[in-house]
């Protein structure tokens, strides 16, 4: 997922009108870092079986030059990612809400993801 248009990337067009550029701020390094992070996130989402149709990851730089990744996905995919995050939180013992219902989903989730 490192190339433009590969597996859900719809391009990484620069939005030059999005903000004021400050002389001396290294926006390019932040954008490069965000581009790598977007590729990693896209690969991870694909690995766990999240539907990549309609998935859009866009690298950008924040006002301070730090990398920013913008994620856009369908409502169904957003719910799937939310469920995966809850499952991961339950498995790691980080869930701050009742996880009894999530634990029963773990077996079904992993059974569904295995080829």
Foldseek 3Di string as FASTA:
>chain_A
DLDAPPQQEPDADDDPVPDDADPPAQLVVQQVVQSVVQVVVSVVCVLLPQDRVQWYWYWGADNRNHIDIDITHDPVSVVVVVLVVLLVCVVVVNDPDDCPVSVVCVVVSVVVSDD
